[in-house]
Amino acid sequence: TEKLEEAVMIWIKQIRQVLVESEQMRREA
């Protein structure tokens, strides 16, 4: 369970990063 929780926490961190990046202002020409 502890190992699986560690894996899920890594996924959570990665998914949060994807969500944060998707909401950032786009730099466009």
mmCIF file of all heavy atoms, coordinates in Angstrom:
data_MODEL
# 
_entry.id   MODEL 
# 
loop_
_atom_site.group_PDB 
_atom_site.id 
_atom_site.type_symbol 
_atom_site.label_atom_id 
_atom_site.label_alt_id 
_atom_site.label_comp_id 
_atom_site.label_asym_id 
_atom_site.label_entity_id 
_atom_site.label_seq_id 
_atom_site.pdbx_PDB_ins_code 
_atom_site.Cartn_x 
_atom_site.Cartn_y 
_atom_site.Cartn_z 
_atom_site.occupancy 
_atom_site.B_iso_or_equiv 
_atom_site.pdbx_formal_charge 
_atom_site.auth_seq_id 
_atom_site.auth_comp_id 
_atom_site.auth_asym_id 
_atom_site.auth_atom_id 
_atom_site.pdbx_PDB_model_num 
ATOM 1   N N   . THR A 1 1  ? 0.836  -1.205 0.000   1.00 0.00 ? 1  THR A N   1 
ATOM 2   C CA  . THR A 1 1  ? 0.000  0.000  0.000   1.00 0.00 ? 1  THR A CA  1 
ATOM 3   C C   . THR A 1 1  ? 0.869  1.252  0.000   1.00 0.00 ? 1  THR A C   1 
ATOM 4   O O   . THR A 1 1  ? 0.601  2.206  -0.744  1.00 0.00 ? 1  THR A O   1 
ATOM 5   C CB  . THR A 1 1  ? -0.944 0.009  1.229   1.00 0.00 ? 1  THR A CB  1 
ATOM 6   O OG1 . THR A 1 1  ? -1.743 -1.173 1.206   1.00 0.00 ? 1  THR A OG1 1 
ATOM 7   C CG2 . THR A 1 1  ? -1.841 1.232  1.228   1.00 0.00 ? 1  THR A CG2 1 
ATOM 8   N N   . GLU A 1 2  ? 1.912  1.249  0.792   1.00 0.00 ? 2  GLU A N   1 
ATOM 9   C CA  . GLU A 1 2  ? 2.814  2.398  0.877   1.00 0.00 ? 2  GLU A CA  1 
ATOM 10  C C   . GLU A 1 2  ? 3.483  2.664  -0.475  1.00 0.00 ? 2  GLU A C   1 
ATOM 11  O O   . GLU A 1 2  ? 3.565  3.812  -0.921  1.00 0.00 ? 2  GLU A O   1 
ATOM 12  C CB  . GLU A 1 2  ? 3.879  2.124  1.949   1.00 0.00 ? 2  GLU A CB  1 
ATOM 13  C CG  . GLU A 1 2  ? 4.597  3.372  2.415   1.00 0.00 ? 2  GLU A CG  1 
ATOM 14  C CD  . GLU A 1 2  ? 5.544  3.064  3.569   1.00 0.00 ? 2  GLU A CD  1 
ATOM 15  O OE1 . GLU A 1 2  ? 5.067  2.577  4.612   1.00 0.00 ? 2  GLU A OE1 1 
ATOM 16  O OE2 . GLU A 1 2  ? 6.745  3.318  3.401   1.00 0.00 ? 2  GLU A OE2 1 
ATOM 17  N N   . LYS A 1 3  ? 3.939  1.610  -1.135  1.00 0.00 ? 3  LYS A N   1 
ATOM 18  C CA  . LYS A 1 3  ? 4.577  1.758  -2.460  1.00 0.00 ? 3  LYS A CA  1 
ATOM 19  C C   . LYS A 1 3  ? 3.571  2.286  -3.491  1.00 0.00 ? 3  LYS A C   1 
ATOM 20  O O   . LYS A 1 3  ? 3.905  3.146  -4.304  1.00 0.00 ? 3  LYS A O   1 
ATOM 21  C CB  . LYS A 1 3  ? 5.140  0.410  -2.940  1.00 0.00 ? 3  LYS A CB  1 
ATOM 22  C CG  . LYS A 1 3  ? 6.309  -0.091 -2.133  1.00 0.00 ? 3  LYS A CG  1 
ATOM 23  C CD  . LYS A 1 3  ? 7.557  0.676  -2.471  1.00 0.00 ? 3  LYS A CD  1 
ATOM 24  C CE  . LYS A 1 3  ? 8.747  0.076  -1.756  1.00 0.00 ? 3  LYS A CE  1 
ATOM 25  N NZ  . LYS A 1 3  ? 9.795  1.035  -1.523  1.00 0.00 ? 3  LYS A NZ  1 
ATOM 26  N N   . LEU A 1 4  ? 2.361  1.760  -3.433  1.00 0.00 ? 4  LEU A N   1 
ATOM 27  C CA  . LEU A 1 4  ? 1.333  2.221  -4.366  1.00 0.00 ? 4  LEU A CA  1 
ATOM 28  C C   . LEU A 1 4  ? 0.971  3.686  -4.099  1.00 0.00 ? 4  LEU A C   1 
ATOM 29  O O   . LEU A 1 4  ? 0.760  4.458  -5.033  1.00 0.00 ? 4  LEU A O   1 
ATOM 30  C CB  . LEU A 1 4  ? 0.090  1.337  -4.279  1.00 0.00 ? 4  LEU A CB  1 
ATOM 31  C CG  . LEU A 1 4  ? 0.259  -0.101 -4.774  1.00 0.00 ? 4  LEU A CG  1 
ATOM 32  C CD1 . LEU A 1 4  ? -1.031 -0.886 -4.566  1.00 0.00 ? 4  LEU A CD1 1 
ATOM 33  C CD2 . LEU A 1 4  ? 0.691  -0.148 -6.224  1.00 0.00 ? 4  LEU A CD2 1 
ATOM 34  N N   . GLU A 1 5  ? 0.891  4.060  -2.823  1.00 0.00 ? 5  GLU A N   1 
ATOM 35  C CA  . GLU A 1 5  ? 0.613  5.465  -2.478  1.00 0.00 ? 5  GLU A CA  1 
ATOM 36  C C   . GLU A 1 5  ? 1.723  6.378  -2.998  1.00 0.00 ? 5  GLU A C   1 
ATOM 37  O O   . GLU A 1 5  ? 1.441  7.477  -3.487  1.00 0.00 ? 5  GLU A O   1 
ATOM 38  C CB  . GLU A 1 5  ? 0.464  5.623  -0.965  1.00 0.00 ? 5  GLU A CB  1 
ATOM 39  C CG  . GLU A 1 5  ? -0.856 5.128  -0.431  1.00 0.00 ? 5  GLU A CG  1 
ATOM 40  C CD  . GLU A 1 5  ? -0.985 5.239  1.077   1.00 0.00 ? 5  GLU A CD  1 
ATOM 41  O OE1 . GLU A 1 5  ? 0.047  5.239  1.778   1.00 0.00 ? 5  GLU A OE1 1 
ATOM 42  O OE2 . GLU A 1 5  ? -2.132 5.326  1.543   1.00 0.00 ? 5  GLU A OE2 1 
ATOM 43  N N   . GLU A 1 6  ? 2.951  5.927  -2.898  1.00 0.00 ? 6  GLU A N   1 
ATOM 44  C CA  . GLU A 1 6  ? 4.075  6.722  -3.427  1.00 0.00 ? 6  GLU A CA  1 
ATOM 45  C C   . GLU A 1 6  ? 3.925  6.922  -4.932  1.00 0.00 ? 6  GLU A C   1 
ATOM 46  O O   . GLU A 1 6  ? 4.124  8.035  -5.443  1.00 0.00 ? 6  GLU A O   1 
ATOM 47  C CB  . GLU A 1 6  ? 5.407  6.035  -3.120  1.00 0.00 ? 6  GLU A CB  1 
ATOM 48  C CG  . GLU A 1 6  ? 5.830  6.126  -1.668  1.00 0.00 ? 6  GLU A CG  1 
ATOM 49  C CD  . GLU A 1 6  ? 7.079  5.285  -1.362  1.00 0.00 ? 6  GLU A CD  1 
ATOM 50  O OE1 . GLU A 1 6  ? 7.801  4.894  -2.312  1.00 0.00 ? 6  GLU A OE1 1 
ATOM 51  O OE2 . GLU A 1 6  ? 7.322  5.030  -0.166  1.00 0.00 ? 6  GLU A OE2 1 
ATOM 52  N N   . ALA A 1 7  ? 3.552  5.854  -5.633  1.00 0.00 ? 7  ALA A N   1 
ATOM 53  C CA  . ALA A 1 7  ? 3.346  5.959  -7.088  1.00 0.00 ? 7  ALA A CA  1 
ATOM 54  C C   . ALA A 1 7  ? 2.216  6.932  -7.409  1.00 0.00 ? 7  ALA A C   1 
ATOM 55  O O   . ALA A 1 7  ? 2.351  7.794  -8.290  1.00 0.00 ? 7  ALA A O   1 
ATOM 56  C CB  . ALA A 1 7  ? 3.048  4.581  -7.676  1.00 0.00 ? 7  ALA A CB  1 
ATOM 57  N N   . VAL A 1 8  ? 1.115  6.818  -6.674  1.00 0.00 ? 8  VAL A N   1 
ATOM 58  C CA  . VAL A 1 8  ? -0.031 7.704  -6.904  1.00 0.00 ? 8  VAL A CA  1 
ATOM 59  C C   . VAL A 1 8  ? 0.344  9.157  -6.600  1.00 0.00 ? 8  VAL A C   1 
ATOM 60  O O   . VAL A 1 8  ? -0.059 10.070 -7.314  1.00 0.00 ? 8  VAL A O   1 
ATOM 61  C CB  . VAL A 1 8  ? -1.269 7.238  -6.095  1.00 0.00 ? 8  VAL A CB  1 
ATOM 62  C CG1 . VAL A 1 8  ? -2.374 8.284  -6.117  1.00 0.00 ? 8  VAL A CG1 1 
ATOM 63  C CG2 . VAL A 1 8  ? -1.779 5.911  -6.635  1.00 0.00 ? 8  VAL A CG2 1 
ATOM 64  N N   . MET A 1 9  ? 1.123  9.380  -5.568  1.00 0.00 ? 9  MET A N   1 
ATOM 65  C CA  . MET A 1 9  ? 1.550  10.753 -5.238  1.00 0.00 ? 9  MET A CA  1 
ATOM 66  C C   . MET A 1 9  ? 2.415  11.332 -6.356  1.00 0.00 ? 9  MET A C   1 
ATOM 67  O O   . MET A 1 9  ? 2.316  12.531 -6.669  1.00 0.00 ? 9  MET A O   1 
ATOM 68  C CB  . MET A 1 9  ? 2.292  10.789 -3.897  1.00 0.00 ? 9  MET A CB  1 
ATOM 69  C CG  . MET A 1 9  ? 1.383  10.589 -2.681  1.00 0.00 ? 9  MET A CG  1 
ATOM 70  S SD  . MET A 1 9  ? -0.084 11.657 -2.632  1.00 0.00 ? 9  MET A SD  1 
ATOM 71  C CE  . MET A 1 9  ? 0.654  13.245 -2.359  1.00 0.00 ? 9  MET A CE  1 
ATOM 72  N N   . ILE A 1 10 ? 3.235  10.511 -6.981  1.00 0.00 ? 10 ILE A N   1 
ATOM 73  C CA  . ILE A 1 10 ? 4.032  10.976 -8.129  1.00 0.00 ? 10 ILE A CA  1 
ATOM 74  C C   . ILE A 1 10 ? 3.097  11.341 -9.280  1.00 0.00 ? 10 ILE A C   1 
ATOM 75  O O   . ILE A 1 10 ? 3.252  12.386 -9.918  1.00 0.00 ? 10 ILE A O   1 
ATOM 76  C CB  . ILE A 1 10 ? 5.059  9.896  -8.552  1.00 0.00 ? 10 ILE A CB  1 
ATOM 77  C CG1 . ILE A 1 10 ? 6.153  9.778  -7.483  1.00 0.00 ? 10 ILE A CG1 1 
ATOM 78  C CG2 . ILE A 1 10 ? 5.670  10.218 -9.920  1.00 0.00 ? 10 ILE A CG2 1 
ATOM 79  C CD1 . ILE A 1 10 ? 7.071  8.575  -7.649  1.00 0.00 ? 10 ILE A CD1 1 
ATOM 80  N N   . TRP A 1 11 ? 2.092  10.493 -9.538  1.00 0.00 ? 11 TRP A N   1 
ATOM 81  C CA  . TRP A 1 11 ? 1.115  10.790 -10.590 1.00 0.00 ? 11 TRP A CA  1 
ATOM 82  C C   . TRP A 1 11 ? 0.376  12.089 -10.292 1.00 0.00 ? 11 TRP A C   1 
ATOM 83  O O   . TRP A 1 11 ? 0.161  12.904 -11.177 1.00 0.00 ? 11 TRP A O   1 
ATOM 84  C CB  . TRP A 1 11 ? 0.104  9.663  -10.727 1.00 0.00 ? 11 TRP A CB  1 
ATOM 85  C CG  . TRP A 1 11 ? 0.659  8.349  -11.169 1.00 0.00 ? 11 TRP A CG  1 
ATOM 86  C CD1 . TRP A 1 11 ? 1.875  8.120  -11.749 1.00 0.00 ? 11 TRP A CD1 1 
ATOM 87  C CD2 . TRP A 1 11 ? 0.026  7.083  -11.062 1.00 0.00 ? 11 TRP A CD2 1 
ATOM 88  N NE1 . TRP A 1 11 ? 2.027  6.787  -12.001 1.00 0.00 ? 11 TRP A NE1 1 
ATOM 89  C CE2 . TRP A 1 11 ? 0.904  6.116  -11.599 1.00 0.00 ? 11 TRP A CE2 1 
ATOM 90  C CE3 . TRP A 1 11 ? -1.197 6.652  -10.570 1.00 0.00 ? 11 TRP A CE3 1 
ATOM 91  C CZ2 . TRP A 1 11 ? 0.595  4.767  -11.663 1.00 0.00 ? 11 TRP A CZ2 1 
ATOM 92  C CZ3 . TRP A 1 11 ? -1.507 5.308  -10.630 1.00 0.00 ? 11 TRP A CZ3 1 
ATOM 93  C CH2 . TRP A 1 11 ? -0.620 4.370  -11.174 1.00 0.00 ? 11 TRP A CH2 1 
ATOM 94  N N   . ILE A 1 12 ? -0.023 12.248 -9.030  1.00 0.00 ? 12 ILE A N   1 
ATOM 95  C CA  . ILE A 1 12 ? -0.750 13.459 -8.627  1.00 0.00 ? 12 ILE A CA  1 
ATOM 96  C C   . ILE A 1 12 ? 0.103  14.697 -8.908  1.00 0.00 ? 12 ILE A C   1 
ATOM 97  O O   . ILE A 1 12 ? -0.380 15.685 -9.468  1.00 0.00 ? 12 ILE A O   1 
ATOM 98  C CB  . ILE A 1 12 ? -1.168 13.372 -7.139  1.00 0.00 ? 12 ILE A CB  1 
ATOM 99  C CG1 . ILE A 1 12 ? -2.317 12.364 -6.978  1.00 0.00 ? 12 ILE A CG1 1 
ATOM 100 C CG2 . ILE A 1 12 ? -1.562 14.744 -6.589  1.00 0.00 ? 12 ILE A CG2 1 
ATOM 101 C CD1 . ILE A 1 12 ? -2.667 12.029 -5.531  1.00 0.00 ? 12 ILE A CD1 1 
ATOM 102 N N   . LYS A 1 13 ? 1.363  14.618 -8.549  1.00 0.00 ? 13 LYS A N   1 
ATOM 103 C CA  . LYS A 1 13 ? 2.270  15.754 -8.773  1.00 0.00 ? 13 LYS A CA  1 
ATOM 104 C C   . LYS A 1 13 ? 2.390  16.052 -10.272 1.00 0.00 ? 13 LYS A C   1 
ATOM 105 O O   . LYS A 1 13 ? 2.331  17.210 -10.689 1.00 0.00 ? 13 LYS A O   1 
ATOM 106 C CB  . LYS A 1 13 ? 3.644  15.434 -8.172  1.00 0.00 ? 13 LYS A CB  1 
ATOM 107 C CG  . LYS A 1 13 ? 4.623  16.570 -8.229  1.00 0.00 ? 13 LYS A CG  1 
ATOM 108 C CD  . LYS A 1 13 ? 5.936  16.192 -7.568  1.00 0.00 ? 13 LYS A CD  1 
ATOM 109 C CE  . LYS A 1 13 ? 6.938  17.327 -7.705  1.00 0.00 ? 13 LYS A CE  1 
ATOM 110 N NZ  . LYS A 1 13 ? 8.252  16.972 -7.234  1.00 0.00 ? 13 LYS A NZ  1 
ATOM 111 N N   . GLN A 1 14 ? 2.537  15.008 -11.080 1.00 0.00 ? 14 GLN A N   1 
ATOM 112 C CA  . GLN A 1 14 ? 2.671  15.187 -12.526 1.00 0.00 ? 14 GLN A CA  1 
ATOM 113 C C   . GLN A 1 14 ? 1.388  15.743 -13.140 1.00 0.00 ? 14 GLN A C   1 
ATOM 114 O O   . GLN A 1 14 ? 1.432  16.634 -13.993 1.00 0.00 ? 14 GLN A O   1 
ATOM 115 C CB  . GLN A 1 14 ? 3.041  13.852 -13.188 1.00 0.00 ? 14 GLN A CB  1 
ATOM 116 C CG  . GLN A 1 14 ? 4.445  13.392 -12.851 1.00 0.00 ? 14 GLN A CG  1 
ATOM 117 C CD  . GLN A 1 14 ? 4.724  11.963 -13.314 1.00 0.00 ? 14 GLN A CD  1 
ATOM 118 O OE1 . GLN A 1 14 ? 3.804  11.156 -13.502 1.00 0.00 ? 14 GLN A OE1 1 
ATOM 119 N NE2 . GLN A 1 14 ? 6.006  11.645 -13.494 1.00 0.00 ? 14 GLN A NE2 1 
ATOM 120 N N   . ILE A 1 15 ? 0.255  15.241 -12.703 1.00 0.00 ? 15 ILE A N   1 
ATOM 121 C CA  . ILE A 1 15 ? -1.027 15.708 -13.239 1.00 0.00 ? 15 ILE A CA  1 
ATOM 122 C C   . ILE A 1 15 ? -1.260 17.166 -12.843 1.00 0.00 ? 15 ILE A C   1 
ATOM 123 O O   . ILE A 1 15 ? -1.722 17.970 -13.655 1.00 0.00 ? 15 ILE A O   1 
ATOM 124 C CB  . ILE A 1 15 ? -2.183 14.802 -12.774 1.00 0.00 ? 15 ILE A CB  1 
ATOM 125 C CG1 . ILE A 1 15 ? -2.064 13.423 -13.440 1.00 0.00 ? 15 ILE A CG1 1 
ATOM 126 C CG2 . ILE A 1 15 ? -3.542 15.435 -13.087 1.00 0.00 ? 15 ILE A CG2 1 
ATOM 127 C CD1 . ILE A 1 15 ? -2.997 12.370 -12.879 1.00 0.00 ? 15 ILE A CD1 1 
ATOM 128 N N   . ARG A 1 16 ? -0.936 17.506 -11.605 1.00 0.00 ? 16 ARG A N   1 
ATOM 129 C CA  . ARG A 1 16 ? -1.071 18.910 -11.177 1.00 0.00 ? 16 ARG A CA  1 
ATOM 130 C C   . ARG A 1 16 ? -0.229 19.823 -12.056 1.00 0.00 ? 16 ARG A C   1 
ATOM 131 O O   . ARG A 1 16 ? -0.655 20.913 -12.428 1.00 0.00 ? 16 ARG A O   1 
ATOM 132 C CB  . ARG A 1 16 ? -0.648 19.056 -9.713  1.00 0.00 ? 16 ARG A CB  1 
ATOM 133 C CG  . ARG A 1 16 ? -1.740 18.692 -8.765  1.00 0.00 ? 16 ARG A CG  1 
ATOM 134 C CD  . ARG A 1 16 ? -1.477 19.246 -7.367  1.00 0.00 ? 16 ARG A CD  1 
ATOM 135 N NE  . ARG A 1 16 ? -2.570 18.846 -6.505  1.00 0.00 ? 16 ARG A NE  1 
ATOM 136 C CZ  . ARG A 1 16 ? -2.432 18.179 -5.375  1.00 0.00 ? 16 ARG A CZ  1 
ATOM 137 N NH1 . ARG A 1 16 ? -1.228 17.847 -4.946  1.00 0.00 ? 16 ARG A NH1 1 
ATOM 138 N NH2 . ARG A 1 16 ? -3.477 17.848 -4.653  1.00 0.00 ? 16 ARG A NH2 1 
ATOM 139 N N   . GLN A 1 17 ? 0.973  19.368 -12.386 1.00 0.00 ? 17 GLN A N   1 
ATOM 140 C CA  . GLN A 1 17 ? 1.864  20.159 -13.242 1.00 0.00 ? 17 GLN A CA  1 
ATOM 141 C C   . GLN A 1 17 ? 1.241  20.364 -14.626 1.00 0.00 ? 17 GLN A C   1 
ATOM 142 O O   . GLN A 1 17 ? 1.268  21.465 -15.165 1.00 0.00 ? 17 GLN A O   1 
ATOM 143 C CB  . GLN A 1 17 ? 3.231  19.464 -13.364 1.00 0.00 ? 17 GLN A CB  1 
ATOM 144 C CG  . GLN A 1 17 ? 4.263  20.255 -14.126 1.00 0.00 ? 17 GLN A CG  1 
ATOM 145 C CD  . GLN A 1 17 ? 4.613  21.570 -13.444 1.00 0.00 ? 17 GLN A CD  1 
ATOM 146 O OE1 . GLN A 1 17 ? 4.648  21.672 -12.233 1.00 0.00 ? 17 GLN A OE1 1 
ATOM 147 N NE2 . GLN A 1 17 ? 4.863  22.592 -14.242 1.00 0.00 ? 17 GLN A NE2 1 
ATOM 148 N N   . VAL A 1 18 ? 0.651  19.316 -15.181 1.00 0.00 ? 18 VAL A N   1 
ATOM 149 C CA  . VAL A 1 18 ? -0.019 19.419 -16.483 1.00 0.00 ? 18 VAL A CA  1 
ATOM 150 C C   . VAL A 1 18 ? -1.163 20.425 -16.405 1.00 0.00 ? 18 VAL A C   1 
ATOM 151 O O   . VAL A 1 18 ? -1.322 21.276 -17.285 1.00 0.00 ? 18 VAL A O   1 
ATOM 152 C CB  . VAL A 1 18 ? -0.530 18.037 -16.958 1.00 0.00 ? 18 VAL A CB  1 
ATOM 153 C CG1 . VAL A 1 18 ? -1.458 18.172 -18.150 1.00 0.00 ? 18 VAL A CG1 1 
ATOM 154 C CG2 . VAL A 1 18 ? 0.631  17.117 -17.283 1.00 0.00 ? 18 VAL A CG2 1 
ATOM 155 N N   . LEU A 1 19 ? -1.948 20.348 -15.339 1.00 0.00 ? 19 LEU A N   1 
ATOM 156 C CA  . LEU A 1 19 ? -3.072 21.279 -15.177 1.00 0.00 ? 19 LEU A CA  1 
ATOM 157 C C   . LEU A 1 19 ? -2.589 22.722 -15.018 1.00 0.00 ? 19 LEU A C   1 
ATOM 158 O O   . LEU A 1 19 ? -3.157 23.635 -15.619 1.00 0.00 ? 19 LEU A O   1 
ATOM 159 C CB  . LEU A 1 19 ? -3.935 20.872 -13.977 1.00 0.00 ? 19 LEU A CB  1 
ATOM 160 C CG  . LEU A 1 19 ? -4.822 19.654 -14.196 1.00 0.00 ? 19 LEU A CG  1 
ATOM 161 C CD1 . LEU A 1 19 ? -5.395 19.162 -12.875 1.00 0.00 ? 19 LEU A CD1 1 
ATOM 162 C CD2 . LEU A 1 19 ? -5.946 19.975 -15.174 1.00 0.00 ? 19 LEU A CD2 1 
ATOM 163 N N   . VAL A 1 20 ? -1.552 22.924 -14.236 1.00 0.00 ? 20 VAL A N   1 
ATOM 164 C CA  . VAL A 1 20 ? -1.010 24.276 -14.029 1.00 0.00 ? 20 VAL A CA  1 
ATOM 165 C C   . VAL A 1 20 ? -0.497 24.837 -15.353 1.00 0.00 ? 20 VAL A C   1 
ATOM 166 O O   . VAL A 1 20 ? -0.795 25.979 -15.716 1.00 0.00 ? 20 VAL A O   1 
ATOM 167 C CB  . VAL A 1 20 ? 0.113  24.262 -12.953 1.00 0.00 ? 20 VAL A CB  1 
ATOM 168 C CG1 . VAL A 1 20 ? 0.918  25.541 -12.979 1.00 0.00 ? 20 VAL A CG1 1 
ATOM 169 C CG2 . VAL A 1 20 ? -0.489 24.048 -11.571 1.00 0.00 ? 20 VAL A CG2 1 
ATOM 170 N N   . GLU A 1 21 ? 0.261  24.028 -16.086 1.00 0.00 ? 21 GLU A N   1 
ATOM 171 C CA  . GLU A 1 21 ? 0.798  24.483 -17.367 1.00 0.00 ? 21 GLU A CA  1 
ATOM 172 C C   . GLU A 1 21 ? -0.308 24.789 -18.368 1.00 0.00 ? 21 GLU A C   1 
ATOM 173 O O   . GLU A 1 21 ? -0.195 25.729 -19.153 1.00 0.00 ? 21 GLU A O   1 
ATOM 174 C CB  . GLU A 1 21 ? 1.755  23.440 -17.948 1.00 0.00 ? 21 GLU A CB  1 
ATOM 175 C CG  . GLU A 1 21 ? 3.073  23.386 -17.204 1.00 0.00 ? 21 GLU A CG  1 
ATOM 176 C CD  . GLU A 1 21 ? 3.967  22.229 -17.642 1.00 0.00 ? 21 GLU A CD  1 
ATOM 177 O OE1 . GLU A 1 21 ? 3.646  21.552 -18.647 1.00 0.00 ? 21 GLU A OE1 1 
ATOM 178 O OE2 . GLU A 1 21 ? 4.991  22.004 -16.970 1.00 0.00 ? 21 GLU A OE2 1 
ATOM 179 N N   . SER A 1 22 ? -1.385 24.027 -18.325 1.00 0.00 ? 22 SER A N   1 
ATOM 180 C CA  . SER A 1 22 ? -2.473 24.250 -19.277 1.00 0.00 ? 22 SER A CA  1 
ATOM 181 C C   . SER A 1 22 ? -3.213 25.557 -19.001 1.00 0.00 ? 22 SER A C   1 
ATOM 182 O O   . SER A 1 22 ? -3.834 26.114 -19.907 1.00 0.00 ? 22 SER A O   1 
ATOM 183 C CB  . SER A 1 22 ? -3.454 23.086 -19.258 1.00 0.00 ? 22 SER A CB  1 
ATOM 184 O OG  . SER A 1 22 ? -4.261 23.117 -18.104 1.00 0.00 ? 22 SER A OG  1 
ATOM 185 N N   . GLU A 1 23 ? -3.145 26.027 -17.781 1.00 0.00 ? 23 GLU A N   1 
ATOM 186 C CA  . GLU A 1 23 ? -3.841 27.269 -17.427 1.00 0.00 ? 23 GLU A CA  1 
ATOM 187 C C   . GLU A 1 23 ? -2.965 28.512 -17.549 1.00 0.00 ? 23 GLU A C   1 
ATOM 188 O O   . GLU A 1 23 ? -3.454 29.625 -17.380 1.00 0.00 ? 23 GLU A O   1 
ATOM 189 C CB  . GLU A 1 23 ? -4.400 27.172 -16.006 1.00 0.00 ? 23 GLU A CB  1 
ATOM 190 C CG  . GLU A 1 23 ? -5.550 26.185 -15.877 1.00 0.00 ? 23 GLU A CG  1 
ATOM 191 C CD  . GLU A 1 23 ? -6.700 26.501 -16.817 1.00 0.00 ? 23 GLU A CD  1 
ATOM 192 O OE1 . GLU A 1 23 ? -7.078 27.678 -16.958 1.00 0.00 ? 23 GLU A OE1 1 
ATOM 193 O OE2 . GLU A 1 23 ? -7.224 25.546 -17.430 1.00 0.00 ? 23 GLU A OE2 1 
ATOM 194 N N   . GLN A 1 24 ? -1.689 28.329 -17.822 1.00 0.00 ? 24 GLN A N   1 
ATOM 195 C CA  . GLN A 1 24 ? -0.798 29.483 -17.926 1.00 0.00 ? 24 GLN A CA  1 
ATOM 196 C C   . GLN A 1 24 ? -1.083 30.256 -19.214 1.00 0.00 ? 24 GLN A C   1 
ATOM 197 O O   . GLN A 1 24 ? -1.569 29.702 -20.196 1.00 0.00 ? 24 GLN A O   1 
ATOM 198 C CB  . GLN A 1 24 ? 0.666  29.035 -17.889 1.00 0.00 ? 24 GLN A CB  1 
ATOM 199 C CG  . GLN A 1 24 ? 1.088  28.567 -16.523 1.00 0.00 ? 24 GLN A CG  1 
ATOM 200 C CD  . GLN A 1 24 ? 2.517  28.034 -16.512 1.00 0.00 ? 24 GLN A CD  1 
ATOM 201 O OE1 . GLN A 1 24 ? 3.093  27.744 -17.537 1.00 0.00 ? 24 GLN A OE1 1 
ATOM 202 N NE2 . GLN A 1 24 ? 3.071  27.902 -15.323 1.00 0.00 ? 24 GLN A NE2 1 
ATOM 203 N N   . MET A 1 25 ? -0.749 31.519 -19.196 1.00 0.00 ? 25 MET A N   1 
ATOM 204 C CA  . MET A 1 25 ? -0.923 32.368 -20.368 1.00 0.00 ? 25 MET A CA  1 
ATOM 205 C C   . MET A 1 25 ? -0.091 31.825 -21.517 1.00 0.00 ? 25 MET A C   1 
ATOM 206 O O   . MET A 1 25 ? 1.047  31.424 -21.329 1.00 0.00 ? 25 MET A O   1 
ATOM 207 C CB  . MET A 1 25 ? -0.477 33.802 -20.062 1.00 0.00 ? 25 MET A CB  1 
ATOM 208 C CG  . MET A 1 25 ? -1.466 34.603 -19.253 1.00 0.00 ? 25 MET A CG  1 
ATOM 209 S SD  . MET A 1 25 ? -2.966 34.961 -20.159 1.00 0.00 ? 25 MET A SD  1 
ATOM 210 C CE  . MET A 1 25 ? -2.381 36.161 -21.323 1.00 0.00 ? 25 MET A CE  1 
ATOM 211 N N   . ARG A 1 26 ? -0.670 31.829 -22.694 1.00 0.00 ? 26 ARG A N   1 
ATOM 212 C CA  . ARG A 1 26 ? 0.060  31.385 -23.885 1.00 0.00 ? 26 ARG A CA  1 
ATOM 213 C C   . ARG A 1 26 ? 0.866  32.554 -24.429 1.00 0.00 ? 26 ARG A C   1 
ATOM 214 O O   . ARG A 1 26 ? 0.374  33.666 -24.518 1.00 0.00 ? 26 ARG A O   1 
ATOM 215 C CB  . ARG A 1 26 ? -0.919 30.930 -24.961 1.00 0.00 ? 26 ARG A CB  1 
ATOM 216 C CG  . ARG A 1 26 ? -1.634 29.667 -24.623 1.00 0.00 ? 26 ARG A CG  1 
ATOM 217 C CD  . ARG A 1 26 ? -2.503 29.247 -25.780 1.00 0.00 ? 26 ARG A CD  1 
ATOM 218 N NE  . ARG A 1 26 ? -3.823 29.840 -25.625 1.00 0.00 ? 26 ARG A NE  1 
ATOM 219 C CZ  . ARG A 1 26 ? -4.719 29.951 -26.583 1.00 0.00 ? 26 ARG A CZ  1 
ATOM 220 N NH1 . ARG A 1 26 ? -4.459 29.533 -27.778 1.00 0.00 ? 26 ARG A NH1 1 
ATOM 221 N NH2 . ARG A 1 26 ? -5.898 30.485 -26.340 1.00 0.00 ? 26 ARG A NH2 1 
ATOM 222 N N   . ARG A 1 27 ? 2.085  32.255 -24.808 1.00 0.00 ? 27 ARG A N   1 
ATOM 223 C CA  . ARG A 1 27 ? 2.890  33.261 -25.487 1.00 0.00 ? 27 ARG A CA  1 
ATOM 224 C C   . ARG A 1 27 ? 2.756  33.004 -26.979 1.00 0.00 ? 27 ARG A C   1 
ATOM 225 O O   . ARG A 1 27 ? 3.134  31.945 -27.465 1.00 0.00 ? 27 ARG A O   1 
ATOM 226 C CB  . ARG A 1 27 ? 4.348  33.160 -25.048 1.00 0.00 ? 27 ARG A CB  1 
ATOM 227 C CG  . ARG A 1 27 ? 4.564  33.677 -23.637 1.00 0.00 ? 27 ARG A CG  1 
ATOM 228 C CD  . ARG A 1 27 ? 5.988  33.336 -23.175 1.00 0.00 ? 27 ARG A CD  1 
ATOM 229 N NE  . ARG A 1 27 ? 6.216  33.509 -21.765 1.00 0.00 ? 27 ARG A NE  1 
ATOM 230 C CZ  . ARG A 1 27 ? 5.678  32.786 -20.787 1.00 0.00 ? 27 ARG A CZ  1 
ATOM 231 N NH1 . ARG A 1 27 ? 4.809  31.845 -21.071 1.00 0.00 ? 27 ARG A NH1 1 
ATOM 232 N NH2 . ARG A 1 27 ? 5.979  33.001 -19.531 1.00 0.00 ? 27 ARG A NH2 1 
ATOM 233 N N   . GLU A 1 28 ? 2.188  33.977 -27.662 1.00 0.00 ? 28 GLU A N   1 
ATOM 234 C CA  . GLU A 1 28 ? 1.930  33.810 -29.087 1.00 0.00 ? 28 GLU A CA  1 
ATOM 235 C C   . GLU A 1 28 ? 2.460  35.017 -29.849 1.00 0.00 ? 28 GLU A C   1 
ATOM 236 O O   . GLU A 1 28 ? 2.585  36.103 -29.302 1.00 0.00 ? 28 GLU A O   1 
ATOM 237 C CB  . GLU A 1 28 ? 0.430  33.673 -29.343 1.00 0.00 ? 28 GLU A CB  1 
ATOM 238 C CG  . GLU A 1 28 ? -0.190 32.466 -28.669 1.00 0.00 ? 28 GLU A CG  1 
ATOM 239 C CD  . GLU A 1 28 ? -1.697 32.435 -28.755 1.00 0.00 ? 28 GLU A CD  1 
ATOM 240 O OE1 . GLU A 1 28 ? -2.342 33.491 -28.632 1.00 0.00 ? 28 GLU A OE1 1 
ATOM 241 O OE2 . GLU A 1 28 ? -2.222 31.337 -28.939 1.00 0.00 ? 28 GLU A OE2 1 
ATOM 242 N N   . ALA A 1 29 ? 2.731  34.794 -31.107 1.00 0.00 ? 29 ALA A N   1 
ATOM 243 C CA  . ALA A 1 29 ? 3.166  35.899 -31.959 1.00 0.00 ? 29 ALA A CA  1 
ATOM 244 C C   . ALA A 1 29 ? 2.046  36.929 -32.040 1.00 0.00 ? 29 ALA A C   1 
ATOM 245 O O   . ALA A 1 29 ? 0.865  36.591 -31.934 1.00 0.00 ? 29 ALA A O   1 
ATOM 246 C CB  . ALA A 1 29 ? 3.510  35.373 -33.345 1.00 0.00 ? 29 ALA A CB  1 
# 
